[in-house]
Amino acid sequence: MSNIETYIKQFPKEIQFRLNTIRSIGFETFSEATERVYHGVPTFATGDKDILNYGAYKDHITIWIGYEMVDLLKNAYPQYKYTKVTIQFSNSEDFPVELVKEICEMAVSIDWR
């Protein structure tokens, strides 16, 4: 079992499903990326550059998207919580699969790190 699989398996089944969804979308979108655990969370990277980090917490899933993407998304999707560099999806609400796909596609085209 990989470090990513170990990370995911520590959570309840519904959260595992959400994390595995992000992981699957990442594999589809970041065809040349590698996976690693970085700063304690799953990360897609190319060389030394992180493309996307994601993690689960008690009440939400977080995706680290960087300053530029936060600025782009917070007006278009105001229903989600943001920090300076993350978007958070509440575990008590439907998981926005299409938005995660959009975020991954944006991460490929934006040099935000």
PDB file of N, CA and C in Angstrom:
ATOM      1  N   MET A   1       0.850  -1.179   0.000  1.00  0.00           N
ATOM      2  CA  MET A   1       0.000   0.000   0.000  1.00  0.00           C
ATOM      3  C   MET A   1       0.897   1.244   0.000  1.00  0.00           C
ATOM      4  N   SER A   2       0.552   2.200  -0.853  1.00  0.00           N
ATOM      5  CA  SER A   2       1.338   3.435  -0.934  1.00  0.00           C
ATOM      6  C   SER A   2       1.041   4.352   0.249  1.00  0.00           C
ATOM      7  N   ASN A   3       1.872   5.356   0.433  1.00  0.00           N
ATOM      8  CA  ASN A   3       1.637   6.355   1.485  1.00  0.00           C
ATOM      9  C   ASN A   3       0.309   7.070   1.270  1.00  0.00           C
ATOM     10  N   ILE A   4      -0.055   7.303   0.009  1.00  0.00           N
ATOM     11  CA  ILE A   4      -1.324   7.972  -0.298  1.00  0.00           C
ATOM     12  C   ILE A   4      -2.489   7.078   0.113  1.00  0.00           C
ATOM     13  N   GLU A   5      -2.409   5.810  -0.217  1.00  0.00           N
ATOM     14  CA  GLU A   5      -3.472   4.871   0.166  1.00  0.00           C
ATOM     15  C   GLU A   5      -3.600   4.771   1.682  1.00  0.00           C
ATOM     16  N   THR A   6      -2.477   4.746   2.382  1.00  0.00           N
ATOM     17  CA  THR A   6      -2.495   4.721   3.847  1.00  0.00           C
ATOM     18  C   THR A   6      -3.161   5.980   4.388  1.00  0.00           C
ATOM     19  N   TYR A   7      -2.832   7.123   3.817  1.00  0.00           N
ATOM     20  CA  TYR A   7      -3.448   8.387   4.228  1.00  0.00           C
ATOM     21  C   TYR A   7      -4.966   8.313   4.049  1.00  0.00           C
ATOM     22  N   ILE A   8      -5.412   7.878   2.904  1.00  0.00           N
ATOM     23  CA  ILE A   8      -6.843   7.852   2.589  1.00  0.00           C
ATOM     24  C   ILE A   8      -7.594   6.864   3.482  1.00  0.00           C
ATOM     25  N   LYS A   9      -7.010   5.710   3.737  1.00  0.00           N
ATOM     26  CA  LYS A   9      -7.695   4.655   4.510  1.00  0.00           C
ATOM     27  C   LYS A   9      -7.951   5.026   5.967  1.00  0.00           C
ATOM     28  N   GLN A  10      -7.322   6.065   6.473  1.00  0.00           N
ATOM     29  CA  GLN A  10      -7.528   6.451   7.864  1.00  0.00           C
ATOM     30  C   GLN A  10      -8.873   7.144   8.088  1.00  0.00           C
ATOM     31  N   PHE A  11      -9.566   7.500   7.009  1.00  0.00           N
ATOM     32  CA  PHE A  11     -10.809   8.263   7.101  1.00  0.00           C
ATOM     33  C   PHE A  11     -12.034   7.372   6.893  1.00  0.00           C
ATOM     34  N   PRO A  12     -13.206   7.841   7.327  1.00  0.00           N
ATOM     35  CA  PRO A  12     -14.448   7.099   7.079  1.00  0.00           C
ATOM     36  C   PRO A  12     -14.681   6.911   5.572  1.00  0.00           C
ATOM     37  N   LYS A  13     -15.480   5.929   5.219  1.00  0.00           N
ATOM     38  CA  LYS A  13     -15.710   5.545   3.817  1.00  0.00           C
ATOM     39  C   LYS A  13     -16.127   6.724   2.937  1.00  0.00           C
ATOM     40  N   GLU A  14     -17.032   7.576   3.385  1.00  0.00           N
ATOM     41  CA  GLU A  14     -17.487   8.696   2.559  1.00  0.00           C
ATOM     42  C   GLU A  14     -16.340   9.664   2.265  1.00  0.00           C
ATOM     43  N   ILE A  15     -15.492   9.880   3.250  1.00  0.00           N
ATOM     44  CA  ILE A  15     -14.345  10.771   3.047  1.00  0.00           C
ATOM     45  C   ILE A  15     -13.321  10.097   2.137  1.00  0.00           C
ATOM     46  N   GLN A  16     -13.142   8.795   2.299  1.00  0.00           N
ATOM     47  CA  GLN A  16     -12.260   8.048   1.402  1.00  0.00           C
ATOM     48  C   GLN A  16     -12.732   8.188  -0.041  1.00  0.00           C
ATOM     49  N   PHE A  17     -14.040   8.092  -0.247  1.00  0.00           N
ATOM     50  CA  PHE A  17     -14.599   8.241  -1.590  1.00  0.00           C
ATOM     51  C   PHE A  17     -14.251   9.608  -2.169  1.00  0.00           C
ATOM     52  N   ARG A  18     -14.391  10.658  -1.381  1.00  0.00           N
ATOM     53  CA  ARG A  18     -14.087  12.013  -1.845  1.00  0.00           C
ATOM     54  C   ARG A  18     -12.594  12.159  -2.181  1.00  0.00           C
ATOM     55  N   LEU A  19     -11.743  11.664  -1.307  1.00  0.00           N
ATOM     56  CA  LEU A  19     -10.305  11.745  -1.557  1.00  0.00           C
ATOM     57  C   LEU A  19      -9.914  10.931  -2.786  1.00  0.00           C
ATOM     58  N   ASN A  20     -10.488   9.735  -2.922  1.00  0.00           N
ATOM     59  CA  ASN A  20     -10.196   8.908  -4.097  1.00  0.00           C
ATOM     60  C   ASN A  20     -10.723   9.541  -5.376  1.00  0.00           C
ATOM     61  N   THR A  21     -11.803  10.298  -5.275  1.00  0.00           N
ATOM     62  CA  THR A  21     -12.319  11.030  -6.437  1.00  0.00           C
ATOM     63  C   THR A  21     -11.313  12.081  -6.878  1.00  0.00           C
ATOM     64  N   ILE A  22     -10.794  12.848  -5.935  1.00  0.00           N
ATOM     65  CA  ILE A  22      -9.764  13.849  -6.265  1.00  0.00           C
ATOM     66  C   ILE A  22      -8.554  13.149  -6.873  1.00  0.00           C
ATOM     67  N   ARG A  23      -8.157  12.049  -6.272  1.00  0.00           N
ATOM     68  CA  ARG A  23      -6.994  11.302  -6.756  1.00  0.00           C
ATOM     69  C   ARG A  23      -7.205  10.820  -8.187  1.00  0.00           C
ATOM     70  N   SER A  24      -8.369  10.271  -8.472  1.00  0.00           N
ATOM     71  CA  SER A  24      -8.673   9.782  -9.830  1.00  0.00           C
ATOM     72  C   SER A  24      -8.657  10.912 -10.844  1.00  0.00           C
ATOM     73  N   ILE A  25      -9.284  12.033 -10.489  1.00  0.00           N
ATOM     74  CA  ILE A  25      -9.286  13.190 -11.383  1.00  0.00           C
ATOM     75  C   ILE A  25      -7.854  13.680 -11.598  1.00  0.00           C
ATOM     76  N   GLY A  26      -7.057  13.678 -10.543  1.00  0.00           N
ATOM     77  CA  GLY A  26      -5.653  14.079 -10.664  1.00  0.00           C
ATOM     78  C   GLY A  26      -4.884  13.180 -11.614  1.00  0.00           C
ATOM     79  N   PHE A  27      -5.078  11.867 -11.515  1.00  0.00           N
ATOM     80  CA  PHE A  27      -4.398  10.944 -12.428  1.00  0.00           C
ATOM     81  C   PHE A  27      -4.801  11.201 -13.874  1.00  0.00           C
ATOM     82  N   GLU A  28      -6.079  11.488 -14.092  1.00  0.00           N
ATOM     83  CA  GLU A  28      -6.562  11.764 -15.448  1.00  0.00           C
ATOM     84  C   GLU A  28      -5.992  13.078 -15.980  1.00  0.00           C
ATOM     85  N   THR A  29      -5.893  14.077 -15.134  1.00  0.00           N
ATOM     86  CA  THR A  29      -5.505  15.419 -15.565  1.00  0.00           C
ATOM     87  C   THR A  29      -4.000  15.612 -15.605  1.00  0.00           C
ATOM     88  N   PHE A  30      -3.302  15.090 -14.619  1.00  0.00           N
ATOM     89  CA  PHE A  30      -1.855  15.301 -14.493  1.00  0.00           C
ATOM     90  C   PHE A  30      -1.114  14.045 -14.951  1.00  0.00           C
ATOM     91  N   SER A  31      -1.164  13.764 -16.221  1.00  0.00           N
ATOM     92  CA  SER A  31      -0.657  12.499 -16.752  1.00  0.00           C
ATOM     93  C   SER A  31       0.834  12.267 -16.483  1.00  0.00           C
ATOM     94  N   GLU A  32       1.609  13.317 -16.352  1.00  0.00           N
ATOM     95  CA  GLU A  32       3.049  13.154 -16.138  1.00  0.00           C
ATOM     96  C   GLU A  32       3.471  13.399 -14.690  1.00  0.00           C
ATOM     97  N   ALA A  33       2.525  13.585 -13.820  1.00  0.00           N
ATOM     98  CA  ALA A  33       2.840  13.889 -12.417  1.00  0.00           C
ATOM     99  C   ALA A  33       3.113  12.615 -11.621  1.00  0.00           C
ATOM    100  N   THR A  34       3.805  12.819 -10.518  1.00  0.00           N
ATOM    101  CA  THR A  34       4.001  11.744  -9.552  1.00  0.00           C
ATOM    102  C   THR A  34       3.228  12.115  -8.290  1.00  0.00           C
ATOM    103  N   GLU A  35       2.986  11.122  -7.468  1.00  0.00           N
ATOM    104  CA  GLU A  35       2.289  11.344  -6.194  1.00  0.00           C
ATOM    105  C   GLU A  35       3.279  11.224  -5.057  1.00  0.00           C
ATOM    106  N   ARG A  36       3.013  12.001  -4.036  1.00  0.00           N
ATOM    107  CA  ARG A  36       3.801  11.890  -2.809  1.00  0.00           C
ATOM    108  C   ARG A  36       2.980  12.492  -1.670  1.00  0.00           C
ATOM    109  N   VAL A  37       3.376  12.192  -0.462  1.00  0.00           N
ATOM    110  CA  VAL A  37       2.814  12.874   0.693  1.00  0.00           C
ATOM    111  C   VAL A  37       3.771  14.011   1.005  1.00  0.00           C
ATOM    112  N   TYR A  38       3.242  15.219   1.000  1.00  0.00           N
ATOM    113  CA  TYR A  38       4.054  16.413   1.236  1.00  0.00           C
ATOM    114  C   TYR A  38       3.325  17.276   2.248  1.00  0.00           C
ATOM    115  N   HIS A  39       4.014  17.670   3.278  1.00  0.00           N
ATOM    116  CA  HIS A  39       3.398  18.400   4.396  1.00  0.00           C
ATOM    117  C   HIS A  39       2.223  17.616   4.970  1.00  0.00           C
ATOM    118  N   GLY A  40       2.327  16.302   4.945  1.00  0.00           N
ATOM    119  CA  GLY A  40       1.323  15.437   5.560  1.00  0.00           C
ATOM    120  C   GLY A  40       0.076  15.170   4.741  1.00  0.00           C
ATOM    121  N   VAL A  41       0.027  15.675   3.490  1.00  0.00           N
ATOM    122  CA  VAL A  41      -1.163  15.465   2.656  1.00  0.00           C
ATOM    123  C   VAL A  41      -0.767  14.962   1.274  1.00  0.00           C
ATOM    124  N   PRO A  42      -1.696  14.280   0.589  1.00  0.00           N
ATOM    125  CA  PRO A  42      -1.413  13.819  -0.771  1.00  0.00           C
ATOM    126  C   PRO A  42      -1.129  14.991  -1.710  1.00  0.00           C
ATOM    127  N   THR A  43      -0.158  14.782  -2.597  1.00  0.00           N
ATOM    128  CA  THR A  43       0.293  15.836  -3.497  1.00  0.00           C
ATOM    129  C   THR A  43       0.616  15.243  -4.863  1.00  0.00           C
ATOM    130  N   PHE A  44       0.176  15.933  -5.902  1.00  0.00           N
ATOM    131  CA  PHE A  44       0.634  15.636  -7.253  1.00  0.00           C
ATOM    132  C   PHE A  44       1.735  16.630  -7.559  1.00  0.00           C
ATOM    133  N   ALA A  45       2.838  16.130  -8.128  1.00  0.00           N
ATOM    134  CA  ALA A  45       3.985  16.998  -8.407  1.00  0.00           C
ATOM    135  C   ALA A  45       4.659  16.589  -9.712  1.00  0.00           C
ATOM    136  N   THR A  46       5.327  17.552 -10.319  1.00  0.00           N
ATOM    137  CA  THR A  46       6.236  17.284 -11.429  1.00  0.00           C
ATOM    138  C   THR A  46       7.578  17.848 -11.014  1.00  0.00           C
ATOM    139  N   GLY A  47       8.555  16.975 -10.901  1.00  0.00           N
ATOM    140  CA  GLY A  47       9.854  17.403 -10.399  1.00  0.00           C
ATOM    141  C   GLY A  47       9.699  17.972  -9.003  1.00  0.00           C
ATOM    142  N   ASP A  48      10.194  19.175  -8.794  1.00  0.00           N
ATOM    143  CA  ASP A  48      10.104  19.830  -7.493  1.00  0.00           C
ATOM    144  C   ASP A  48       8.847  20.671  -7.334  1.00  0.00           C
ATOM    145  N   LYS A  49       8.047  20.756  -8.358  1.00  0.00           N
ATOM    146  CA  LYS A  49       6.888  21.648  -8.350  1.00  0.00           C
ATOM    147  C   LYS A  49       5.601  20.901  -7.975  1.00  0.00           C
ATOM    148  N   ASP A  50       4.961  21.371  -6.918  1.00  0.00           N
ATOM    149  CA  ASP A  50       3.652  20.827  -6.558  1.00  0.00           C
ATOM    150  C   ASP A  50       2.612  21.352  -7.539  1.00  0.00           C
ATOM    151  N   ILE A  51       1.761  20.462  -7.999  1.00  0.00           N
ATOM    152  CA  ILE A  51       0.665  20.866  -8.866  1.00  0.00           C
ATOM    153  C   ILE A  51      -0.607  21.016  -8.046  1.00  0.00           C
ATOM    154  N   LEU A  52      -0.844  20.033  -7.170  1.00  0.00           N
ATOM    155  CA  LEU A  52      -2.079  20.050  -6.382  1.00  0.00           C
ATOM    156  C   LEU A  52      -1.865  19.270  -5.097  1.00  0.00           C
ATOM    157  N   ASN A  53      -2.241  19.862  -3.976  1.00  0.00           N
ATOM    158  CA  ASN A  53      -2.231  19.204  -2.676  1.00  0.00           C
ATOM    159  C   ASN A  53      -3.676  19.122  -2.212  1.00  0.00           C
ATOM    160  N   TYR A  54      -4.031  18.039  -1.532  1.00  0.00           N
ATOM    161  CA  TYR A  54      -5.394  17.909  -1.021  1.00  0.00           C
ATOM    162  C   TYR A  54      -5.379  17.097   0.266  1.00  0.00           C
ATOM    163  N   GLY A  55      -6.344  17.373   1.129  1.00  0.00           N
ATOM    164  CA  GLY A  55      -6.381  16.667   2.395  1.00  0.00           C
ATOM    165  C   GLY A  55      -7.759  16.687   3.012  1.00  0.00           C
ATOM    166  N   ALA A  56      -7.956  15.793   3.954  1.00  0.00           N
ATOM    167  CA  ALA A  56      -9.235  15.690   4.655  1.00  0.00           C
ATOM    168  C   ALA A  56      -9.066  16.123   6.097  1.00  0.00           C
ATOM    169  N   TYR A  57     -10.101  16.759   6.590  1.00  0.00           N
ATOM    170  CA  TYR A  57     -10.139  17.222   7.966  1.00  0.00           C
ATOM    171  C   TYR A  57     -11.499  16.860   8.549  1.00  0.00           C
ATOM    172  N   LYS A  58     -11.678  17.102   9.806  1.00  0.00           N
ATOM    173  CA  LYS A  58     -12.897  16.689  10.506  1.00  0.00           C
ATOM    174  C   LYS A  58     -14.167  17.115   9.767  1.00  0.00           C
ATOM    175  N   ASP A  59     -14.217  18.361   9.322  1.00  0.00           N
ATOM    176  CA  ASP A  59     -15.448  18.902   8.742  1.00  0.00           C
ATOM    177  C   ASP A  59     -15.385  19.195   7.253  1.00  0.00           C
ATOM    178  N   HIS A  60     -14.204  19.031   6.637  1.00  0.00           N
ATOM    179  CA  HIS A  60     -14.100  19.445   5.245  1.00  0.00           C
ATOM    180  C   HIS A  60     -12.940  18.767   4.516  1.00  0.00           C
ATOM    181  N   ILE A  61     -12.971  18.901   3.203  1.00  0.00           N
ATOM    182  CA  ILE A  61     -11.868  18.524   2.325  1.00  0.00           C
ATOM    183  C   ILE A  61     -11.227  19.840   1.867  1.00  0.00           C
ATOM    184  N   THR A  62      -9.922  19.910   1.893  1.00  0.00           N
ATOM    185  CA  THR A  62      -9.206  21.098   1.439  1.00  0.00           C
ATOM    186  C   THR A  62      -8.380  20.759   0.217  1.00  0.00           C
ATOM    187  N   ILE A  63      -8.401  21.680  -0.749  1.00  0.00           N
ATOM    188  CA  ILE A  63      -7.490  21.603  -1.886  1.00  0.00           C
ATOM    189  C   ILE A  63      -6.692  22.900  -1.895  1.00  0.00           C
ATOM    190  N   TRP A  64      -5.363  22.757  -1.898  1.00  0.00           N
ATOM    191  CA  TRP A  64      -4.481  23.922  -1.970  1.00  0.00           C
ATOM    192  C   TRP A  64      -4.416  24.348  -3.429  1.00  0.00           C
ATOM    193  N   ILE A  65      -4.873  25.553  -3.714  1.00  0.00           N
ATOM    194  CA  ILE A  65      -4.965  26.005  -5.099  1.00  0.00           C
ATOM    195  C   ILE A  65      -4.146  27.260  -5.381  1.00  0.00           C
ATOM    196  N   GLY A  66      -3.604  27.877  -4.387  1.00  0.00           N
ATOM    197  CA  GLY A  66      -2.777  29.065  -4.590  1.00  0.00           C
ATOM    198  C   GLY A  66      -3.581  30.352  -4.666  1.00  0.00           C
ATOM    199  N   TYR A  67      -2.870  31.461  -4.500  1.00  0.00           N
ATOM    200  CA  TYR A  67      -3.494  32.792  -4.457  1.00  0.00           C
ATOM    201  C   TYR A  67      -4.294  33.111  -5.710  1.00  0.00           C
ATOM    202  N   GLU A  68      -3.683  32.865  -6.874  1.00  0.00           N
ATOM    203  CA  GLU A  68      -4.335  33.235  -8.132  1.00  0.00           C
ATOM    204  C   GLU A  68      -5.655  32.489  -8.332  1.00  0.00           C
ATOM    205  N   MET A  69      -5.643  31.202  -8.060  1.00  0.00           N
ATOM    206  CA  MET A  69      -6.866  30.430  -8.267  1.00  0.00           C
ATOM    207  C   MET A  69      -7.933  30.792  -7.237  1.00  0.00           C
ATOM    208  N   VAL A  70      -7.542  31.086  -6.020  1.00  0.00           N
ATOM    209  CA  VAL A  70      -8.518  31.552  -5.026  1.00  0.00           C
ATOM    210  C   VAL A  70      -9.204  32.811  -5.555  1.00  0.00           C
ATOM    211  N   ASP A  71      -8.417  33.746  -6.047  1.00  0.00           N
ATOM    212  CA  ASP A  71      -8.995  34.980  -6.592  1.00  0.00           C
ATOM    213  C   ASP A  71      -9.945  34.690  -7.745  1.00  0.00           C
ATOM    214  N   LEU A  72      -9.593  33.740  -8.599  1.00  0.00           N
ATOM    215  CA  LEU A  72     -10.442  33.398  -9.735  1.00  0.00           C
ATOM    216  C   LEU A  72     -11.740  32.700  -9.315  1.00  0.00           C
ATOM    217  N   LEU A  73     -11.647  31.849  -8.303  1.00  0.00           N
ATOM    218  CA  LEU A  73     -12.795  31.004  -7.949  1.00  0.00           C
ATOM    219  C   LEU A  73     -13.746  31.601  -6.917  1.00  0.00           C
ATOM    220  N   LYS A  74     -13.253  32.422  -6.014  1.00  0.00           N
ATOM    221  CA  LYS A  74     -14.108  32.842  -4.903  1.00  0.00           C
ATOM    222  C   LYS A  74     -15.320  33.657  -5.342  1.00  0.00           C
ATOM    223  N   ASN A  75     -15.213  34.396  -6.439  1.00  0.00           N
ATOM    224  CA  ASN A  75     -16.378  35.124  -6.938  1.00  0.00           C
ATOM    225  C   ASN A  75     -17.323  34.219  -7.717  1.00  0.00           C
ATOM    226  N   ALA A  76     -16.760  33.254  -8.434  1.00  0.00           N
ATOM    227  CA  ALA A  76     -17.579  32.334  -9.223  1.00  0.00           C
ATOM    228  C   ALA A  76     -18.278  31.286  -8.353  1.00  0.00           C
ATOM    229  N   TYR A  77     -17.648  30.916  -7.244  1.00  0.00           N
ATOM    230  CA  TYR A  77     -18.189  29.882  -6.355  1.00  0.00           C
ATOM    231  C   TYR A  77     -18.165  30.378  -4.904  1.00  0.00           C
ATOM    232  N   PRO A  78     -18.972  31.373  -4.582  1.00  0.00           N
ATOM    233  CA  PRO A  78     -18.925  31.969  -3.240  1.00  0.00           C
ATOM    234  C   PRO A  78     -19.472  31.059  -2.132  1.00  0.00           C
ATOM    235  N   GLN A  79     -20.102  29.968  -2.492  1.00  0.00           N
ATOM    236  CA  GLN A  79     -20.688  29.078  -1.482  1.00  0.00           C
ATOM    237  C   GLN A  79     -19.640  28.256  -0.725  1.00  0.00           C
ATOM    238  N   TYR A  80     -18.385  28.261  -1.195  1.00  0.00           N
ATOM    239  CA  TYR A  80     -17.336  27.498  -0.527  1.00  0.00           C
ATOM    240  C   TYR A  80     -16.489  28.415   0.337  1.00  0.00           C
ATOM    241  N   LYS A  81     -15.843  27.823   1.313  1.00  0.00           N
ATOM    242  CA  LYS A  81     -14.960  28.578   2.194  1.00  0.00           C
ATOM    243  C   LYS A  81     -13.563  28.602   1.574  1.00  0.00           C
ATOM    244  N   TYR A  82     -12.910  29.746   1.695  1.00  0.00           N
ATOM    245  CA  TYR A  82     -11.568  29.931   1.149  1.00  0.00           C
ATOM    246  C   TYR A  82     -10.636  30.449   2.243  1.00  0.00           C
ATOM    247  N   THR A  83      -9.367  30.095   2.103  1.00  0.00           N
ATOM    248  CA  THR A  83      -8.312  30.768   2.848  1.00  0.00           C
ATOM    249  C   THR A  83      -7.500  31.509   1.783  1.00  0.00           C
ATOM    250  N   LYS A  84      -6.347  32.002   2.136  1.00  0.00           N
ATOM    251  CA  LYS A  84      -5.528  32.708   1.145  1.00  0.00           C
ATOM    252  C   LYS A  84      -5.127  31.801  -0.018  1.00  0.00           C
ATOM    253  N   VAL A  85      -4.954  30.490   0.260  1.00  0.00           N
ATOM    254  CA  VAL A  85      -4.446  29.583  -0.780  1.00  0.00           C
ATOM    255  C   VAL A  85      -5.240  28.289  -0.930  1.00  0.00           C
ATOM    256  N   THR A  86      -6.392  28.177  -0.256  1.00  0.00           N
ATOM    257  CA  THR A  86      -7.155  26.929  -0.330  1.00  0.00           C
ATOM    258  C   THR A  86      -8.627  27.177  -0.619  1.00  0.00           C
ATOM    259  N   ILE A  87      -9.273  26.106  -1.075  1.00  0.00           N
ATOM    260  CA  ILE A  87     -10.724  26.037  -1.150  1.00  0.00           C
ATOM    261  C   ILE A  87     -11.130  24.845  -0.292  1.00  0.00           C
ATOM    262  N   GLN A  88     -12.232  24.996   0.432  1.00  0.00           N
ATOM    263  CA  GLN A  88     -12.680  23.948   1.344  1.00  0.00           C
ATOM    264  C   GLN A  88     -14.103  23.523   0.989  1.00  0.00           C
ATOM    265  N   PHE A  89     -14.307  22.214   0.965  1.00  0.00           N
ATOM    266  CA  PHE A  89     -15.614  21.640   0.680  1.00  0.00           C
ATOM    267  C   PHE A  89     -16.117  20.934   1.934  1.00  0.00           C
ATOM    268  N   SER A  90     -17.240  21.372   2.450  1.00  0.00           N
ATOM    269  CA  SER A  90     -17.809  20.800   3.669  1.00  0.00           C
ATOM    270  C   SER A  90     -18.142  19.326   3.461  1.00  0.00           C
ATOM    271  N   ASN A  91     -17.833  18.513   4.461  1.00  0.00           N
ATOM    272  CA  ASN A  91     -18.159  17.089   4.401  1.00  0.00           C
ATOM    273  C   ASN A  91     -19.654  16.835   4.539  1.00  0.00           C
ATOM    274  N   SER A  92     -20.411  17.834   4.958  1.00  0.00           N
ATOM    275  CA  SER A  92     -21.851  17.655   5.143  1.00  0.00           C
ATOM    276  C   SER A  92     -22.652  18.052   3.893  1.00  0.00           C
ATOM    277  N   GLU A  93     -21.959  18.477   2.841  1.00  0.00           N
ATOM    278  CA  GLU A  93     -22.626  18.874   1.599  1.00  0.00           C
ATOM    279  C   GLU A  93     -22.187  17.975   0.452  1.00  0.00           C
ATOM    280  N   ASP A  94     -22.933  18.011  -0.651  1.00  0.00           N
ATOM    281  CA  ASP A  94     -22.560  17.241  -1.830  1.00  0.00           C
ATOM    282  C   ASP A  94     -21.159  17.641  -2.290  1.00  0.00           C
ATOM    283  N   PHE A  95     -20.420  16.650  -2.749  1.00  0.00           N
ATOM    284  CA  PHE A  95     -19.053  16.900  -3.199  1.00  0.00           C
ATOM    285  C   PHE A  95     -19.074  17.386  -4.645  1.00  0.00           C
ATOM    286  N   PRO A  96     -18.456  18.544  -4.938  1.00  0.00           N
ATOM    287  CA  PRO A  96     -18.529  19.160  -6.270  1.00  0.00           C
ATOM    288  C   PRO A  96     -17.508  18.569  -7.257  1.00  0.00           C
ATOM    289  N   VAL A  97     -17.796  17.398  -7.775  1.00  0.00           N
ATOM    290  CA  VAL A  97     -16.868  16.692  -8.657  1.00  0.00           C
ATOM    291  C   VAL A  97     -16.493  17.540  -9.876  1.00  0.00           C
ATOM    292  N   GLU A  98     -17.470  18.174 -10.501  1.00  0.00           N
ATOM    293  CA  GLU A  98     -17.177  18.977 -11.695  1.00  0.00           C
ATOM    294  C   GLU A  98     -16.263  20.156 -11.371  1.00  0.00           C
ATOM    295  N   LEU A  99     -16.434  20.763 -10.215  1.00  0.00           N
ATOM    296  CA  LEU A  99     -15.555  21.853  -9.814  1.00  0.00           C
ATOM    297  C   LEU A  99     -14.139  21.337  -9.560  1.00  0.00           C
ATOM    298  N   VAL A 100     -14.019  20.161  -8.969  1.00  0.00           N
ATOM    299  CA  VAL A 100     -12.689  19.578  -8.752  1.00  0.00           C
ATOM    300  C   VAL A 100     -12.005  19.343 -10.100  1.00  0.00           C
ATOM    301  N   LYS A 101     -12.751  18.866 -11.089  1.00  0.00           N
ATOM    302  CA  LYS A 101     -12.186  18.695 -12.432  1.00  0.00           C
ATOM    303  C   LYS A 101     -11.716  20.040 -12.985  1.00  0.00           C
ATOM    304  N   GLU A 102     -12.530  21.067 -12.816  1.00  0.00           N
ATOM    305  CA  GLU A 102     -12.174  22.406 -13.293  1.00  0.00           C
ATOM    306  C   GLU A 102     -10.906  22.909 -12.602  1.00  0.00           C
ATOM    307  N   ILE A 103     -10.817  22.703 -11.294  1.00  0.00           N
ATOM    308  CA  ILE A 103      -9.637  23.121 -10.538  1.00  0.00           C
ATOM    309  C   ILE A 103      -8.389  22.412 -11.054  1.00  0.00           C
ATOM    310  N   CYS A 104      -8.489  21.118 -11.287  1.00  0.00           N
ATOM    311  CA  CYS A 104      -7.338  20.358 -11.790  1.00  0.00           C
ATOM    312  C   CYS A 104      -6.928  20.843 -13.167  1.00  0.00           C
ATOM    313  N   GLU A 105      -7.895  21.115 -14.036  1.00  0.00           N
ATOM    314  CA  GLU A 105      -7.575  21.626 -15.370  1.00  0.00           C
ATOM    315  C   GLU A 105      -6.915  22.998 -15.285  1.00  0.00           C
ATOM    316  N   MET A 106      -7.390  23.836 -14.372  1.00  0.00           N
ATOM    317  CA  MET A 106      -6.778  25.146 -14.177  1.00  0.00           C
ATOM    318  C   MET A 106      -5.364  25.018 -13.646  1.00  0.00           C
ATOM    319  N   ALA A 107      -5.147  24.065 -12.747  1.00  0.00           N
ATOM    320  CA  ALA A 107      -3.819  23.880 -12.157  1.00  0.00           C
ATOM    321  C   ALA A 107      -2.784  23.495 -13.200  1.00  0.00           C
ATOM    322  N   VAL A 108      -3.213  22.805 -14.238  1.00  0.00           N
ATOM    323  CA  VAL A 108      -2.295  22.433 -15.313  1.00  0.00           C
ATOM    324  C   VAL A 108      -1.852  23.676 -16.092  1.00  0.00           C
ATOM    325  N   SER A 109      -2.762  24.615 -16.269  1.00  0.00           N
ATOM    326  CA  SER A 109      -2.465  25.762 -17.137  1.00  0.00           C
ATOM    327  C   SER A 109      -1.951  26.998 -16.407  1.00  0.00           C
ATOM    328  N   ILE A 110      -2.074  27.043 -15.089  1.00  0.00           N
ATOM    329  CA  ILE A 110      -1.648  28.220 -14.323  1.00  0.00           C
ATOM    330  C   ILE A 110      -0.398  27.892 -13.524  1.00  0.00           C
ATOM    331  N   ASP A 111       0.607  28.700 -13.662  1.00  0.00           N
ATOM    332  CA  ASP A 111       1.825  28.557 -12.872  1.00  0.00           C
ATOM    333  C   ASP A 111       1.634  29.339 -11.581  1.00  0.00           C
ATOM    334  N   TRP A 112       1.063  28.705 -10.558  1.00  0.00           N
ATOM    335  CA  TRP A 112       0.689  29.403  -9.339  1.00  0.00           C
ATOM    336  C   TRP A 112       1.586  29.107  -8.158  1.00  0.00           C
ATOM    337  N   ARG A 113       2.608  28.328  -8.333  1.00  0.00           N
ATOM    338  CA  ARG A 113       3.516  28.024  -7.213  1.00  0.00           C
ATOM    339  C   ARG A 113       4.850  28.679  -7.400  1.00  0.00           C
TER     340      ARG A 113
END
